[in-house]
Amino acid sequence: MSEIEQHTDVELMLKVRQGNEAAFEVLHERYQQKVLNFFYGLSHNHQSANDLCQETFLRLWKVQKRYKATGSFPGYLFGIARMIWLERLRRLRKVNRLGTRQDMDYSHETLEHPGFGPDGEATRKELEAHIVAALEELPEEQRLVFILRNMRDLSLEDIAAALDCPVNTVRSRKILAVKKLRHLLSKVFSSSLDWTL
């Protein structure tokens, strides 16, 4: 492990603020997969997730001089990612209003799972489609909180920083999201869903 890799995220970002490319590369390596997973959780499209992830790190580099070492770095980074996602939604809505319909990238791309036979794979894809459909029915802010907390394992404090709202608001959005998902998916699954609040 090199000396620069031993620095905390905030220390690295302070170096990035001074134009240090090596520090930026370390942050990129630490967080690329998490940001990629965040966008895939929202778009369900590998190519879109990759493009949005790249855009997030490009934006991080462009706004490096504005960085202030307050709060957590993940909150700061996912705040940028959230803004990029909302900008993308606004662009797509504008295109849709102009009559040029574009899909929201819900192509349901999946990786093959070696342990499933044809019947098992079909069942898995069907269940995945039900879960994706239920997530799509959540209000945007609840969906963001759910994905960041349950699928990306960010802390409530980091999510609050990313969404620029109080921790209690994040907590209530998460609870509402879980309740709504349980209700929506209870129609599909006969067994009870065990998501912790």
Protein backbone atom coordinates (compact mmCIF):
# COMPACT_ATOMS: atom_id res chain seq x y z
CA MET A 1 0.00 0.00 0.00
CA SER A 2 1.47 3.36 -1.03
CA GLU A 3 1.67 6.29 1.35
CA ILE A 4 -1.13 8.20 -0.37
CA GLU A 5 -3.50 5.22 -0.08
CA GLN A 6 -3.22 5.41 3.71
CA HIS A 7 -4.85 8.86 3.83
CA THR A 8 -8.49 9.31 4.84
CA ASP A 9 -11.06 10.31 2.23
CA VAL A 10 -11.15 13.89 3.51
CA GLU A 11 -7.34 14.16 3.45
CA LEU A 12 -7.34 12.83 -0.11
CA MET A 13 -10.03 15.27 -1.21
CA LEU A 14 -8.07 18.16 0.30
CA LYS A 15 -5.14 17.04 -1.86
CA VAL A 16 -7.48 16.80 -4.87
CA ARG A 17 -8.52 20.40 -4.16
CA GLN A 18 -4.88 21.32 -4.76
CA GLY A 19 -4.91 19.43 -8.08
CA ASN A 20 -3.31 16.17 -6.88
CA GLU A 21 -4.25 13.57 -9.52
CA ALA A 22 -2.85 10.63 -7.53
CA ALA A 23 -5.20 11.43 -4.63
CA PHE A 24 -8.11 11.63 -7.08
CA GLU A 25 -7.20 8.21 -8.49
CA VAL A 26 -7.25 6.69 -4.99
CA LEU A 27 -10.71 8.15 -4.29
CA HIS A 28 -11.90 6.94 -7.69
CA GLU A 29 -10.64 3.44 -6.92
CA ARG A 30 -12.30 3.45 -3.48
CA TYR A 31 -15.71 4.66 -4.62
CA GLN A 32 -16.16 3.79 -8.29
CA GLN A 33 -17.98 0.51 -7.63
CA LYS A 34 -20.25 2.06 -4.99
CA VAL A 35 -21.24 4.92 -7.31
CA LEU A 36 -21.70 2.49 -10.19
CA ASN A 37 -23.95 0.30 -8.02
CA PHE A 38 -25.92 3.36 -6.92
CA PHE A 39 -26.73 4.32 -10.51
CA TYR A 40 -27.45 0.73 -11.51
CA GLY A 41 -29.88 0.49 -8.61
CA LEU A 42 -31.71 3.51 -10.04
CA SER A 43 -31.47 2.89 -13.79
CA HIS A 44 -31.18 -0.92 -14.06
CA ASN A 45 -28.97 -0.38 -17.10
CA HIS A 46 -25.23 -1.12 -17.06
CA GLN A 47 -24.33 1.39 -19.78
CA SER A 48 -26.30 4.24 -18.21
CA ALA A 49 -24.88 3.44 -14.78
CA ASN A 50 -21.36 3.51 -16.20
CA ASP A 51 -21.95 6.83 -18.01
CA LEU A 52 -23.46 8.45 -14.91
CA CYS A 53 -20.64 7.14 -12.72
CA GLN A 54 -18.05 8.67 -15.04
CA GLU A 55 -20.00 11.92 -15.08
CA THR A 56 -20.00 11.96 -11.26
CA PHE A 57 -16.23 11.65 -11.00
CA LEU A 58 -15.74 14.19 -13.78
CA ARG A 59 -17.96 16.61 -11.85
CA LEU A 60 -16.05 15.86 -8.64
CA TRP A 61 -12.83 16.84 -10.40
CA LYS A 62 -14.38 20.00 -11.89
CA VAL A 63 -15.70 21.26 -8.52
CA GLN A 64 -12.57 20.34 -6.56
CA LYS A 65 -11.83 23.98 -5.62
CA ARG A 66 -15.25 24.31 -3.93
CA TYR A 67 -14.73 21.35 -1.60
CA LYS A 68 -14.90 22.13 2.10
CA ALA A 69 -13.89 19.49 4.63
CA THR A 70 -17.22 19.48 6.47
CA GLY A 71 -19.23 16.29 6.85
CA SER A 72 -18.30 12.96 5.33
CA PHE A 73 -16.77 12.46 1.91
CA PRO A 74 -19.32 9.74 0.93
CA GLY A 75 -22.11 12.21 1.68
CA TYR A 76 -20.42 14.81 -0.51
CA LEU A 77 -19.79 12.36 -3.36
CA PHE A 78 -23.29 10.88 -3.32
CA GLY A 79 -24.69 14.40 -3.16
CA ILE A 80 -23.02 15.00 -6.52
CA ALA A 81 -24.31 11.65 -7.80
CA ARG A 82 -27.83 12.54 -6.67
CA MET A 83 -27.71 15.88 -8.51
CA ILE A 84 -26.51 14.14 -11.68
CA TRP A 85 -29.37 11.62 -11.39
CA LEU A 86 -31.96 14.39 -10.91
CA GLU A 87 -30.52 16.33 -13.88
CA ARG A 88 -30.85 13.20 -15.97
CA LEU A 89 -34.47 12.72 -14.92
CA ARG A 90 -35.26 16.34 -15.82
CA ARG A 91 -33.67 15.90 -19.26
CA LEU A 92 -35.64 12.70 -19.90
CA ARG A 93 -38.90 14.32 -18.79
CA LYS A 94 -38.25 17.27 -21.10
CA VAL A 95 -37.58 14.93 -24.03
CA ASN A 96 -40.78 13.00 -23.20
CA ARG A 97 -42.82 16.22 -23.09
CA LEU A 98 -41.49 17.18 -26.52
CA GLY A 99 -42.90 13.94 -27.88
CA THR A 100 -39.69 12.01 -28.42
CA ARG A 101 -40.22 9.13 -26.06
CA GLN A 102 -37.12 7.68 -24.43
CA ASP A 103 -37.24 4.74 -22.10
CA MET A 104 -35.96 5.22 -18.57
CA ASP A 105 -33.32 2.55 -19.15
CA TYR A 106 -35.24 -0.15 -17.32
CA SER A 107 -33.87 -2.82 -19.60
CA HIS A 108 -33.60 -5.29 -16.72
CA GLU A 109 -30.14 -6.40 -17.70
CA THR A 110 -29.08 -9.28 -15.54
CA LEU A 111 -26.02 -11.41 -15.16
CA GLU A 112 -26.38 -15.11 -15.67
CA HIS A 113 -26.27 -17.08 -12.46
CA PRO A 114 -24.45 -20.38 -12.97
CA GLY A 115 -26.48 -22.29 -10.36
CA PHE A 116 -29.86 -21.75 -12.04
CA GLY A 117 -31.37 -24.03 -14.64
CA PRO A 118 -33.73 -22.60 -17.27
CA ASP A 119 -36.78 -22.76 -14.95
CA GLY A 120 -34.89 -21.31 -12.00
CA GLU A 121 -33.43 -18.53 -14.16
CA ALA A 122 -36.88 -17.63 -15.48
CA THR A 123 -38.28 -17.53 -11.93
CA ARG A 124 -35.37 -15.40 -10.73
CA LYS A 125 -35.85 -12.91 -13.59
CA GLU A 126 -39.58 -12.75 -12.89
CA LEU A 127 -38.98 -12.03 -9.19
CA GLU A 128 -36.37 -9.42 -10.09
CA ALA A 129 -38.86 -7.74 -12.42
CA HIS A 130 -41.44 -7.56 -9.61
CA ILE A 131 -38.89 -6.00 -7.26
CA VAL A 132 -37.79 -3.45 -9.88
CA ALA A 133 -41.43 -2.57 -10.60
CA ALA A 134 -42.09 -2.07 -6.88
CA LEU A 135 -39.03 0.18 -6.55
CA GLU A 136 -40.25 2.24 -9.50
CA GLU A 137 -43.52 2.90 -7.68
CA LEU A 138 -41.78 4.55 -4.74
CA PRO A 139 -41.58 8.34 -4.68
CA GLU A 140 -38.13 9.42 -5.91
CA GLU A 141 -36.79 10.56 -2.51
CA GLN A 142 -37.93 7.34 -0.80
CA ARG A 143 -36.36 5.26 -3.57
CA LEU A 144 -33.06 7.13 -3.24
CA VAL A 145 -33.00 6.58 0.52
CA PHE A 146 -33.88 2.90 0.18
CA ILE A 147 -31.18 2.26 -2.43
CA LEU A 148 -28.51 4.22 -0.57
CA ARG A 149 -29.27 2.52 2.77
CA ASN A 150 -30.36 -1.02 1.93
CA MET A 151 -28.50 -1.66 -1.30
CA ARG A 152 -25.40 0.56 -0.93
CA ASP A 153 -25.13 0.35 2.88
CA LEU A 154 -24.50 4.06 3.48
CA SER A 155 -25.06 5.40 6.97
CA LEU A 156 -28.12 7.55 7.70
CA GLU A 157 -25.77 10.49 8.29
CA ASP A 158 -24.09 10.05 4.88
CA ILE A 159 -27.48 9.78 3.19
CA ALA A 160 -28.66 12.94 4.97
CA ALA A 161 -25.56 14.75 3.70
CA ALA A 162 -26.08 13.43 0.16
CA LEU A 163 -29.76 14.39 0.09
CA ASP A 164 -29.24 17.65 2.02
CA CYS A 165 -31.89 16.89 4.63
CA PRO A 166 -32.02 16.00 8.35
CA VAL A 167 -31.22 12.46 9.51
CA ASN A 168 -34.77 12.10 10.90
CA THR A 169 -36.17 12.84 7.44
CA VAL A 170 -33.95 10.12 5.98
CA ARG A 171 -35.10 7.71 8.69
CA SER A 172 -38.79 8.42 8.02
CA ARG A 173 -38.34 8.11 4.23
CA LYS A 174 -36.64 4.76 4.72
CA ILE A 175 -39.44 3.49 6.96
CA LEU A 176 -42.08 4.68 4.47
CA ALA A 177 -40.20 3.06 1.58
CA VAL A 178 -39.93 -0.27 3.38
CA LYS A 179 -43.63 -0.24 4.32
CA LYS A 180 -44.69 0.57 0.77
CA LEU A 181 -42.39 -2.10 -0.71
CA ARG A 182 -43.71 -4.68 1.74
CA HIS A 183 -47.26 -3.80 0.73
CA LEU A 184 -46.49 -3.87 -3.01
CA LEU A 185 -44.51 -7.10 -2.84
CA SER A 186 -46.92 -8.88 -0.49
CA LYS A 187 -49.13 -9.27 -3.56
CA VAL A 188 -46.31 -11.21 -5.24
CA PHE A 189 -44.61 -13.08 -2.41
CA SER A 190 -46.57 -15.27 -0.05
CA SER A 191 -43.82 -15.33 2.59
CA SER A 192 -43.25 -12.32 4.80
CA LEU A 193 -40.47 -9.95 3.82
CA ASP A 194 -37.83 -9.42 6.47
CA TRP A 195 -36.30 -5.99 5.89
CA THR A 196 -35.07 -4.37 9.04
CA LEU A 197 -36.13 -0.86 9.89
